[in-house]
Amino acid sequence: MAERMKLMTQKETAAYLGTTVGSLNTWRATGKHKIPYIIWGRSIRYRKEDLDAWIAEHSKNTLSTPAI
């Protein structure tokens, strides 16, 4: 049987991303960062897999040689 997927709270998600719950709320309300989320009753939840995909999509290669 497949393991049940854990949904992360806003507090857990903020800690995982190194930000605050307030920033998550602002990003969601303004659409600044379109991080996928789930409405669970009256709560907001995030899947770790979605967060990892979002991080990978928004990562920049910092190993390139700087312009002179």
N, C-alpha and C. Protein backbone atom coordinates (compact mmCIF):
# COMPACT_ATOMS: atom_id res chain seq x y z
N MET A 1 0.85 -1.20 0.00
CA MET A 1 0.00 0.00 0.00
C MET A 1 0.88 1.24 0.00
N ALA A 2 0.51 2.23 -0.79
CA ALA A 2 1.30 3.46 -0.90
C ALA A 2 1.27 4.24 0.40
N GLU A 3 2.39 4.83 0.74
CA GLU A 3 2.46 5.67 1.95
C GLU A 3 1.67 6.94 1.73
N ARG A 4 0.93 7.35 2.74
CA ARG A 4 0.12 8.56 2.65
C ARG A 4 1.03 9.79 2.57
N MET A 5 0.69 10.67 1.64
CA MET A 5 1.47 11.89 1.45
C MET A 5 1.27 12.84 2.62
N LYS A 6 2.37 13.39 3.15
CA LYS A 6 2.28 14.34 4.25
C LYS A 6 2.13 15.75 3.68
N LEU A 7 1.14 16.43 4.17
CA LEU A 7 0.94 17.83 3.78
C LEU A 7 1.57 18.70 4.85
N MET A 8 2.38 19.66 4.43
CA MET A 8 3.09 20.54 5.35
C MET A 8 2.24 21.75 5.70
N THR A 9 2.30 22.15 6.96
CA THR A 9 1.60 23.36 7.40
C THR A 9 2.35 24.58 6.86
N GLN A 10 1.73 25.74 7.02
CA GLN A 10 2.39 26.97 6.59
C GLN A 10 3.67 27.21 7.40
N LYS A 11 3.62 26.91 8.69
CA LYS A 11 4.80 27.09 9.54
C LYS A 11 5.94 26.17 9.09
N GLU A 12 5.62 24.92 8.80
CA GLU A 12 6.63 23.98 8.31
C GLU A 12 7.18 24.41 6.96
N THR A 13 6.29 24.88 6.10
CA THR A 13 6.69 25.33 4.76
C THR A 13 7.58 26.56 4.85
N ALA A 14 7.22 27.51 5.68
CA ALA A 14 8.03 28.72 5.85
C ALA A 14 9.43 28.35 6.33
N ALA A 15 9.52 27.45 7.30
CA ALA A 15 10.83 27.02 7.80
C ALA A 15 11.62 26.32 6.70
N TYR A 16 10.96 25.48 5.92
CA TYR A 16 11.61 24.74 4.83
C TYR A 16 12.17 25.70 3.78
N LEU A 17 11.43 26.76 3.49
CA LEU A 17 11.86 27.72 2.46
C LEU A 17 12.72 28.85 3.03
N GLY A 18 12.84 28.92 4.35
CA GLY A 18 13.64 29.97 4.96
C GLY A 18 12.97 31.33 4.90
N THR A 19 11.67 31.35 5.08
CA THR A 19 10.92 32.60 5.04
C THR A 19 9.92 32.61 6.20
N THR A 20 8.93 33.46 6.13
CA THR A 20 7.94 33.56 7.20
C THR A 20 6.56 33.17 6.67
N VAL A 21 5.66 32.86 7.59
CA VAL A 21 4.28 32.57 7.22
C VAL A 21 3.65 33.80 6.58
N GLY A 22 4.00 34.98 7.09
CA GLY A 22 3.48 36.23 6.51
C GLY A 22 3.88 36.39 5.05
N SER A 23 5.12 36.02 4.73
CA SER A 23 5.56 36.09 3.33
C SER A 23 4.79 35.11 2.47
N LEU A 24 4.58 33.89 2.97
CA LEU A 24 3.79 32.91 2.21
C LEU A 24 2.40 33.45 1.92
N ASN A 25 1.78 34.05 2.94
CA ASN A 25 0.44 34.62 2.76
C ASN A 25 0.45 35.74 1.71
N THR A 26 1.44 36.60 1.77
CA THR A 26 1.55 37.70 0.80
C THR A 26 1.77 37.16 -0.60
N TRP A 27 2.68 36.20 -0.74
CA TRP A 27 2.96 35.63 -2.07
C TRP A 27 1.71 34.98 -2.65
N ARG A 28 0.96 34.28 -1.82
CA ARG A 28 -0.25 33.61 -2.29
C ARG A 28 -1.30 34.65 -2.70
N ALA A 29 -1.46 35.70 -1.90
CA ALA A 29 -2.48 36.72 -2.17
C ALA A 29 -2.16 37.56 -3.40
N THR A 30 -0.88 37.86 -3.60
CA THR A 30 -0.48 38.73 -4.71
C THR A 30 -0.10 37.96 -5.97
N GLY A 31 0.17 36.66 -5.82
CA GLY A 31 0.64 35.88 -6.97
C GLY A 31 2.10 36.11 -7.28
N LYS A 32 2.83 36.76 -6.36
CA LYS A 32 4.25 37.06 -6.59
C LYS A 32 5.05 35.79 -6.87
N HIS A 33 4.89 34.79 -6.04
CA HIS A 33 5.51 33.49 -6.25
C HIS A 33 4.38 32.47 -6.30
N LYS A 34 4.25 31.80 -7.41
CA LYS A 34 3.14 30.87 -7.59
C LYS A 34 3.53 29.48 -7.09
N ILE A 35 3.59 29.34 -5.77
CA ILE A 35 3.90 28.07 -5.15
C ILE A 35 2.59 27.29 -5.01
N PRO A 36 2.53 26.07 -5.57
CA PRO A 36 1.29 25.29 -5.45
C PRO A 36 0.92 25.03 -3.99
N TYR A 37 -0.36 25.11 -3.68
CA TYR A 37 -0.84 24.85 -2.32
C TYR A 37 -2.19 24.15 -2.39
N ILE A 38 -2.60 23.60 -1.26
CA ILE A 38 -3.86 22.89 -1.15
C ILE A 38 -4.67 23.54 -0.04
N ILE A 39 -5.95 23.77 -0.30
CA ILE A 39 -6.83 24.27 0.74
C ILE A 39 -7.43 23.03 1.40
N TRP A 40 -7.15 22.88 2.69
CA TRP A 40 -7.60 21.72 3.46
C TRP A 40 -8.53 22.23 4.55
N GLY A 41 -9.81 22.19 4.27
CA GLY A 41 -10.77 22.80 5.20
C GLY A 41 -10.56 24.30 5.20
N ARG A 42 -10.19 24.84 6.36
CA ARG A 42 -9.88 26.27 6.45
C ARG A 42 -8.39 26.51 6.55
N SER A 43 -7.60 25.49 6.26
CA SER A 43 -6.15 25.59 6.36
C SER A 43 -5.49 25.51 4.99
N ILE A 44 -4.29 26.05 4.90
CA ILE A 44 -3.48 25.97 3.69
C ILE A 44 -2.39 24.93 3.96
N ARG A 45 -2.18 24.04 3.01
CA ARG A 45 -1.15 23.01 3.13
C ARG A 45 -0.31 22.99 1.86
N TYR A 46 0.91 22.49 1.99
CA TYR A 46 1.84 22.39 0.86
C TYR A 46 2.41 20.98 0.80
N ARG A 47 2.66 20.49 -0.41
CA ARG A 47 3.32 19.20 -0.59
C ARG A 47 4.82 19.45 -0.78
N LYS A 48 5.64 18.67 -0.10
CA LYS A 48 7.09 18.84 -0.20
C LYS A 48 7.55 18.68 -1.65
N GLU A 49 6.95 17.75 -2.37
CA GLU A 49 7.31 17.52 -3.77
C GLU A 49 7.08 18.78 -4.61
N ASP A 50 5.99 19.50 -4.35
CA ASP A 50 5.70 20.74 -5.07
C ASP A 50 6.72 21.82 -4.70
N LEU A 51 7.10 21.88 -3.43
CA LEU A 51 8.09 22.87 -2.99
C LEU A 51 9.44 22.59 -3.63
N ASP A 52 9.86 21.33 -3.66
CA ASP A 52 11.14 20.97 -4.27
C ASP A 52 11.15 21.30 -5.76
N ALA A 53 10.04 21.04 -6.45
CA ALA A 53 9.94 21.36 -7.88
C ALA A 53 10.00 22.87 -8.10
N TRP A 54 9.32 23.63 -7.23
CA TRP A 54 9.33 25.09 -7.35
C TRP A 54 10.74 25.63 -7.11
N ILE A 55 11.43 25.10 -6.12
CA ILE A 55 12.81 25.53 -5.84
C ILE A 55 13.70 25.24 -7.05
N ALA A 56 13.60 24.04 -7.59
CA ALA A 56 14.43 23.66 -8.75
C ALA A 56 14.14 24.57 -9.95
N GLU A 57 12.88 24.88 -10.17
CA GLU A 57 12.47 25.73 -11.29
C GLU A 57 13.00 27.15 -11.15
N HIS A 58 13.14 27.64 -9.92
CA HIS A 58 13.55 29.02 -9.68
C HIS A 58 15.00 29.16 -9.25
N SER A 59 15.76 28.07 -9.34
CA SER A 59 17.19 28.13 -8.99
C SER A 59 17.97 28.68 -10.16
N LYS A 60 18.97 29.44 -9.86
CA LYS A 60 19.84 30.01 -10.89
C LYS A 60 21.23 29.42 -10.75
N ASN A 61 21.89 29.23 -11.85
CA ASN A 61 23.26 28.70 -11.85
C ASN A 61 24.20 29.82 -11.43
N THR A 62 24.81 29.69 -10.27
CA THR A 62 25.73 30.72 -9.78
C THR A 62 27.19 30.37 -10.03
N LEU A 63 27.42 29.30 -10.77
CA LEU A 63 28.79 28.85 -11.04
C LEU A 63 29.37 29.45 -12.31
N SER A 64 28.61 30.26 -13.03
CA SER A 64 29.11 30.85 -14.28
C SER A 64 30.17 31.90 -13.98
N THR A 65 31.04 32.12 -14.94
CA THR A 65 32.12 33.10 -14.81
C THR A 65 31.56 34.50 -14.92
N PRO A 66 31.87 35.39 -14.00
CA PRO A 66 31.35 36.76 -14.07
C PRO A 66 31.95 37.52 -15.26
N ALA A 67 31.18 38.44 -15.80
CA ALA A 67 31.65 39.27 -16.92
C ALA A 67 32.70 40.24 -16.41
N ILE A 68 33.67 40.50 -17.25
CA ILE A 68 34.75 41.43 -16.89
C ILE A 68 34.50 42.78 -17.50
